[in-house]
Amino acid sequence: MSRPKKKIIAHFYKTLNGTEPVRNWLLKLSVEDRKTVGKDIQKVEFGWPIGMPYGRPLGRGLFEVRSDISDKRIARVIFIIKNDGMVLLHGFVKKSQKTAKADLDLAVNRKKEVEQ
């Protein structure tokens, strides 16, 4: 029996100086929360295109991976699809129901960099 294949592969966005902000954000989470977010990213990789509750389009070519982490918090990783892969642009713990404009703007700016 063959193992299922990923439909898309996740890649971390890299800044011009080589840092990977989403990877750095993940490493600041607890091991438990990191595993949760990682499994949810993996669900998107294997299930793309995927909808609620694991993912959702945000508009402007952006999508989000949705994760419920410890202490009743929610985490989001915003990504784009490029060359049959997903580029993880921005990760954060949500503070309110609506995604903050600053988080969306940051993701849009990184998307523009990736698409150049």
N, C-alpha and C. Protein backbone atom coordinates (compact mmCIF):
# COMPACT_ATOMS: atom_id res chain seq x y z
N MET A 1 0.84 -1.19 0.00
CA MET A 1 0.00 0.00 0.00
C MET A 1 0.88 1.25 0.00
N SER A 2 0.65 2.13 -0.94
CA SER A 2 1.48 3.33 -1.04
C SER A 2 1.00 4.41 -0.07
N ARG A 3 1.95 5.22 0.35
CA ARG A 3 1.63 6.32 1.26
C ARG A 3 1.05 7.49 0.45
N PRO A 4 0.14 8.23 1.04
CA PRO A 4 -0.40 9.40 0.33
C PRO A 4 0.72 10.40 0.07
N LYS A 5 0.61 11.13 -1.03
CA LYS A 5 1.60 12.14 -1.38
C LYS A 5 1.07 13.52 -1.06
N LYS A 6 2.01 14.41 -0.71
CA LYS A 6 1.63 15.80 -0.51
C LYS A 6 1.21 16.39 -1.85
N LYS A 7 0.12 17.13 -1.83
CA LYS A 7 -0.34 17.80 -3.04
C LYS A 7 0.43 19.10 -3.26
N ILE A 8 0.82 19.73 -2.16
CA ILE A 8 1.67 20.92 -2.20
C ILE A 8 2.68 20.80 -1.06
N ILE A 9 3.81 21.46 -1.20
CA ILE A 9 4.85 21.40 -0.17
C ILE A 9 5.02 22.79 0.43
N ALA A 10 5.10 22.84 1.75
CA ALA A 10 5.28 24.11 2.45
C ALA A 10 6.74 24.55 2.41
N HIS A 11 6.93 25.84 2.15
CA HIS A 11 8.25 26.46 2.16
C HIS A 11 8.15 27.71 3.03
N PHE A 12 9.20 27.98 3.78
CA PHE A 12 9.22 29.19 4.59
C PHE A 12 9.66 30.39 3.75
N TYR A 13 8.94 31.50 3.90
CA TYR A 13 9.37 32.77 3.32
C TYR A 13 10.70 33.15 3.94
N LYS A 14 11.63 33.63 3.10
CA LYS A 14 12.93 34.10 3.58
C LYS A 14 13.07 35.58 3.28
N THR A 15 13.55 36.33 4.28
CA THR A 15 13.81 37.75 4.07
C THR A 15 15.07 37.89 3.22
N LEU A 16 15.37 39.10 2.80
CA LEU A 16 16.57 39.36 2.01
C LEU A 16 17.85 38.99 2.77
N ASN A 17 17.82 39.09 4.10
CA ASN A 17 19.02 38.74 4.87
C ASN A 17 19.03 37.26 5.29
N GLY A 18 18.05 36.49 4.78
CA GLY A 18 18.08 35.04 5.00
C GLY A 18 17.32 34.52 6.20
N THR A 19 16.70 35.39 6.98
CA THR A 19 15.93 34.89 8.12
C THR A 19 14.57 34.36 7.65
N GLU A 20 14.02 33.47 8.44
CA GLU A 20 12.72 32.87 8.13
C GLU A 20 11.76 33.20 9.28
N PRO A 21 11.00 34.29 9.13
CA PRO A 21 10.15 34.77 10.23
C PRO A 21 9.14 33.75 10.75
N VAL A 22 8.53 32.97 9.88
CA VAL A 22 7.53 32.00 10.36
C VAL A 22 8.22 30.88 11.15
N ARG A 23 9.36 30.41 10.66
CA ARG A 23 10.12 29.40 11.40
C ARG A 23 10.52 29.94 12.78
N ASN A 24 11.00 31.17 12.82
CA ASN A 24 11.40 31.78 14.09
C ASN A 24 10.20 31.92 15.04
N TRP A 25 9.04 32.30 14.50
CA TRP A 25 7.83 32.40 15.32
C TRP A 25 7.44 31.03 15.87
N LEU A 26 7.49 30.01 15.00
CA LEU A 26 7.15 28.66 15.45
C LEU A 26 8.06 28.20 16.59
N LEU A 27 9.34 28.50 16.48
CA LEU A 27 10.30 28.06 17.51
C LEU A 27 10.06 28.74 18.86
N LYS A 28 9.36 29.86 18.85
CA LYS A 28 9.03 30.55 20.11
C LYS A 28 7.80 29.95 20.79
N LEU A 29 7.02 29.16 20.05
CA LEU A 29 5.85 28.51 20.63
C LEU A 29 6.28 27.32 21.50
N SER A 30 5.40 26.87 22.37
CA SER A 30 5.68 25.67 23.15
C SER A 30 5.75 24.47 22.20
N VAL A 31 6.37 23.40 22.64
CA VAL A 31 6.49 22.20 21.82
C VAL A 31 5.11 21.71 21.41
N GLU A 32 4.17 21.71 22.35
CA GLU A 32 2.81 21.26 22.07
C GLU A 32 2.15 22.11 20.98
N ASP A 33 2.26 23.43 21.11
CA ASP A 33 1.65 24.33 20.13
C ASP A 33 2.34 24.21 18.77
N ARG A 34 3.65 24.05 18.78
CA ARG A 34 4.42 23.88 17.54
C ARG A 34 3.95 22.63 16.79
N LYS A 35 3.73 21.54 17.53
CA LYS A 35 3.23 20.30 16.92
C LYS A 35 1.85 20.51 16.33
N THR A 36 0.99 21.21 17.04
CA THR A 36 -0.37 21.46 16.56
C THR A 36 -0.34 22.25 15.25
N VAL A 37 0.42 23.34 15.21
CA VAL A 37 0.50 24.17 14.00
C VAL A 37 1.13 23.35 12.87
N GLY A 38 2.17 22.60 13.17
CA GLY A 38 2.82 21.76 12.16
C GLY A 38 1.88 20.74 11.56
N LYS A 39 1.08 20.10 12.40
CA LYS A 39 0.11 19.12 11.90
C LYS A 39 -0.95 19.78 11.03
N ASP A 40 -1.36 20.99 11.40
CA ASP A 40 -2.35 21.69 10.59
C ASP A 40 -1.78 22.13 9.25
N ILE A 41 -0.52 22.55 9.22
CA ILE A 41 0.14 22.86 7.94
C ILE A 41 0.20 21.59 7.09
N GLN A 42 0.52 20.48 7.73
CA GLN A 42 0.59 19.20 7.02
C GLN A 42 -0.77 18.80 6.44
N LYS A 43 -1.84 19.06 7.17
CA LYS A 43 -3.18 18.76 6.65
C LYS A 43 -3.44 19.53 5.37
N VAL A 44 -2.97 20.77 5.31
CA VAL A 44 -3.14 21.57 4.10
C VAL A 44 -2.27 20.99 2.98
N GLU A 45 -1.04 20.60 3.30
CA GLU A 45 -0.15 20.02 2.28
C GLU A 45 -0.77 18.78 1.63
N PHE A 46 -1.36 17.91 2.43
CA PHE A 46 -1.93 16.67 1.91
C PHE A 46 -3.34 16.85 1.34
N GLY A 47 -4.08 17.86 1.83
CA GLY A 47 -5.47 17.98 1.45
C GLY A 47 -5.82 19.10 0.50
N TRP A 48 -4.80 19.83 0.02
CA TRP A 48 -5.06 21.00 -0.81
C TRP A 48 -5.85 20.64 -2.06
N PRO A 49 -6.84 21.42 -2.47
CA PRO A 49 -7.38 22.59 -1.76
C PRO A 49 -8.22 22.14 -0.56
N ILE A 50 -8.14 22.91 0.49
CA ILE A 50 -8.79 22.52 1.75
C ILE A 50 -9.56 23.73 2.29
N GLY A 51 -10.66 23.44 2.95
CA GLY A 51 -11.46 24.51 3.52
C GLY A 51 -11.50 24.43 5.03
N MET A 52 -12.53 24.98 5.58
CA MET A 52 -12.72 25.00 7.03
C MET A 52 -12.80 23.57 7.54
N PRO A 53 -12.32 23.27 8.71
CA PRO A 53 -11.81 24.22 9.71
C PRO A 53 -10.30 24.45 9.62
N TYR A 54 -9.60 23.82 8.66
CA TYR A 54 -8.13 23.91 8.63
C TYR A 54 -7.58 25.06 7.81
N GLY A 55 -8.31 25.49 6.82
CA GLY A 55 -7.81 26.56 5.98
C GLY A 55 -8.95 27.40 5.44
N ARG A 56 -8.56 28.55 4.91
CA ARG A 56 -9.58 29.42 4.34
C ARG A 56 -8.89 30.50 3.53
N PRO A 57 -9.52 30.91 2.41
CA PRO A 57 -8.97 32.02 1.63
C PRO A 57 -9.23 33.35 2.33
N LEU A 58 -8.27 34.26 2.23
CA LEU A 58 -8.40 35.58 2.84
C LEU A 58 -8.61 36.68 1.80
N GLY A 59 -8.50 36.32 0.52
CA GLY A 59 -8.56 37.32 -0.54
C GLY A 59 -7.16 37.77 -0.91
N ARG A 60 -7.04 38.46 -2.02
CA ARG A 60 -5.75 38.98 -2.53
C ARG A 60 -4.71 37.88 -2.72
N GLY A 61 -5.18 36.64 -2.94
CA GLY A 61 -4.25 35.53 -3.16
C GLY A 61 -3.68 34.95 -1.89
N LEU A 62 -4.17 35.39 -0.74
CA LEU A 62 -3.70 34.90 0.56
C LEU A 62 -4.65 33.84 1.10
N PHE A 63 -4.08 32.89 1.83
CA PHE A 63 -4.84 31.84 2.50
C PHE A 63 -4.31 31.74 3.93
N GLU A 64 -5.09 31.10 4.80
CA GLU A 64 -4.61 30.91 6.16
C GLU A 64 -4.76 29.46 6.58
N VAL A 65 -3.78 29.01 7.38
CA VAL A 65 -3.87 27.75 8.11
C VAL A 65 -4.39 28.13 9.49
N ARG A 66 -5.42 27.43 9.93
CA ARG A 66 -6.09 27.76 11.19
C ARG A 66 -5.76 26.70 12.24
N SER A 67 -5.29 27.13 13.40
CA SER A 67 -4.91 26.20 14.46
C SER A 67 -5.46 26.65 15.80
N ASP A 68 -6.00 25.69 16.54
CA ASP A 68 -6.39 25.93 17.93
C ASP A 68 -5.25 25.43 18.80
N ILE A 69 -4.63 26.36 19.55
CA ILE A 69 -3.49 25.98 20.38
C ILE A 69 -3.87 26.09 21.85
N SER A 70 -2.90 25.88 22.73
CA SER A 70 -3.15 25.82 24.17
C SER A 70 -3.76 27.11 24.72
N ASP A 71 -4.33 26.98 25.89
CA ASP A 71 -4.94 28.11 26.61
C ASP A 71 -6.03 28.81 25.82
N LYS A 72 -6.77 28.03 25.00
CA LYS A 72 -7.89 28.54 24.21
C LYS A 72 -7.50 29.66 23.26
N ARG A 73 -6.25 29.63 22.81
CA ARG A 73 -5.78 30.62 21.84
C ARG A 73 -5.88 30.04 20.43
N ILE A 74 -5.84 30.95 19.46
CA ILE A 74 -5.85 30.50 18.07
C ILE A 74 -4.65 31.10 17.35
N ALA A 75 -4.03 30.26 16.52
CA ALA A 75 -2.88 30.70 15.74
C ALA A 75 -3.24 30.65 14.26
N ARG A 76 -2.59 31.50 13.51
CA ARG A 76 -2.81 31.54 12.07
C ARG A 76 -1.45 31.62 11.37
N VAL A 77 -1.37 30.93 10.25
CA VAL A 77 -0.22 31.07 9.36
C VAL A 77 -0.78 31.47 8.00
N ILE A 78 -0.38 32.64 7.54
CA ILE A 78 -0.85 33.14 6.25
C ILE A 78 0.14 32.68 5.18
N PHE A 79 -0.41 32.18 4.06
CA PHE A 79 0.45 31.67 3.00
C PHE A 79 -0.13 32.01 1.63
N ILE A 80 0.72 31.81 0.62
CA ILE A 80 0.29 31.92 -0.78
C ILE A 80 0.64 30.61 -1.47
N ILE A 81 0.03 30.40 -2.62
CA ILE A 81 0.37 29.26 -3.46
C ILE A 81 1.27 29.79 -4.57
N LYS A 82 2.43 29.16 -4.72
CA LYS A 82 3.37 29.55 -5.77
C LYS A 82 4.09 28.31 -6.26
N ASN A 83 4.09 28.12 -7.57
CA ASN A 83 4.78 26.97 -8.19
C ASN A 83 4.37 25.65 -7.54
N ASP A 84 3.08 25.44 -7.37
CA ASP A 84 2.54 24.21 -6.78
C ASP A 84 3.05 23.95 -5.36
N GLY A 85 3.39 24.99 -4.65
CA GLY A 85 3.79 24.87 -3.25
C GLY A 85 3.14 25.99 -2.45
N MET A 86 3.26 25.89 -1.14
CA MET A 86 2.74 26.97 -0.30
C MET A 86 3.93 27.68 0.33
N VAL A 87 3.91 29.00 0.30
CA VAL A 87 4.95 29.81 0.92
C VAL A 87 4.35 30.40 2.19
N LEU A 88 4.91 30.02 3.34
CA LEU A 88 4.41 30.47 4.63
C LEU A 88 4.96 31.87 4.90
N LEU A 89 4.09 32.87 4.83
CA LEU A 89 4.51 34.27 4.88
C LEU A 89 4.54 34.86 6.27
N HIS A 90 3.56 34.51 7.10
CA HIS A 90 3.43 35.17 8.40
C HIS A 90 2.67 34.28 9.37
N GLY A 91 3.18 34.15 10.58
CA GLY A 91 2.51 33.38 11.62
C GLY A 91 2.28 34.25 12.85
N PHE A 92 1.16 34.06 13.50
CA PHE A 92 0.83 34.88 14.67
C PHE A 92 -0.28 34.22 15.48
N VAL A 93 -0.38 34.65 16.74
CA VAL A 93 -1.49 34.25 17.60
C VAL A 93 -2.50 35.38 17.54
N LYS A 94 -3.75 35.04 17.20
CA LYS A 94 -4.78 36.06 17.05
C LYS A 94 -5.18 36.63 18.40
N LYS A 95 -5.38 37.93 18.39
CA LYS A 95 -5.79 38.63 19.62
C LYS A 95 -7.27 39.00 19.60
N SER A 96 -7.88 38.97 18.40
CA SER A 96 -9.29 39.33 18.29
C SER A 96 -9.94 38.47 17.21
N GLN A 97 -11.24 38.59 17.09
CA GLN A 97 -12.01 37.81 16.11
C GLN A 97 -11.53 38.05 14.69
N LYS A 98 -11.31 39.31 14.37
CA LYS A 98 -10.90 39.70 13.01
C LYS A 98 -9.38 39.75 12.93
N THR A 99 -8.84 39.29 11.80
CA THR A 99 -7.39 39.36 11.59
C THR A 99 -6.98 40.82 11.49
N ALA A 100 -5.98 41.19 12.27
CA ALA A 100 -5.54 42.58 12.32
C ALA A 100 -5.01 43.05 10.96
N LYS A 101 -5.28 44.31 10.64
CA LYS A 101 -4.83 44.89 9.39
C LYS A 101 -3.30 44.81 9.28
N ALA A 102 -2.59 45.01 10.38
CA ALA A 102 -1.12 44.96 10.35
C ALA A 102 -0.63 43.57 9.94
N ASP A 103 -1.30 42.51 10.40
CA ASP A 103 -0.91 41.16 10.02
C ASP A 103 -1.16 40.91 8.53
N LEU A 104 -2.30 41.37 8.04
CA LEU A 104 -2.61 41.21 6.61
C LEU A 104 -1.66 42.03 5.75
N ASP A 105 -1.37 43.27 6.16
CA ASP A 105 -0.47 44.12 5.40
C ASP A 105 0.93 43.51 5.32
N LEU A 106 1.41 42.96 6.42
CA LEU A 106 2.72 42.32 6.44
C LEU A 106 2.75 41.14 5.46
N ALA A 107 1.70 40.34 5.47
CA ALA A 107 1.62 39.19 4.56
C ALA A 107 1.57 39.66 3.11
N VAL A 108 0.82 40.71 2.82
CA VAL A 108 0.73 41.24 1.46
C VAL A 108 2.09 41.74 0.99
N ASN A 109 2.82 42.44 1.86
CA ASN A 109 4.15 42.95 1.49
C ASN A 109 5.12 41.78 1.21
N ARG A 110 5.06 40.75 2.03
CA ARG A 110 5.93 39.59 1.80
C ARG A 110 5.53 38.86 0.53
N LYS A 111 4.24 38.81 0.26
CA LYS A 111 3.76 38.19 -0.99
C LYS A 111 4.35 38.92 -2.19
N LYS A 112 4.34 40.25 -2.14
CA LYS A 112 4.89 41.04 -3.24
C LYS A 112 6.38 40.72 -3.44
N GLU A 113 7.12 40.59 -2.34
CA GLU A 113 8.54 40.23 -2.44
C GLU A 113 8.73 38.87 -3.13
N VAL A 114 7.92 37.89 -2.72
CA VAL A 114 8.04 36.54 -3.24
C VAL A 114 7.71 36.52 -4.73
N GLU A 115 6.77 37.33 -5.15
CA GLU A 115 6.31 37.31 -6.53
C GLU A 115 7.20 38.11 -7.48
N GLN A 116 8.19 38.82 -6.96
CA GLN A 116 9.09 39.62 -7.83
C GLN A 116 10.01 38.71 -8.62
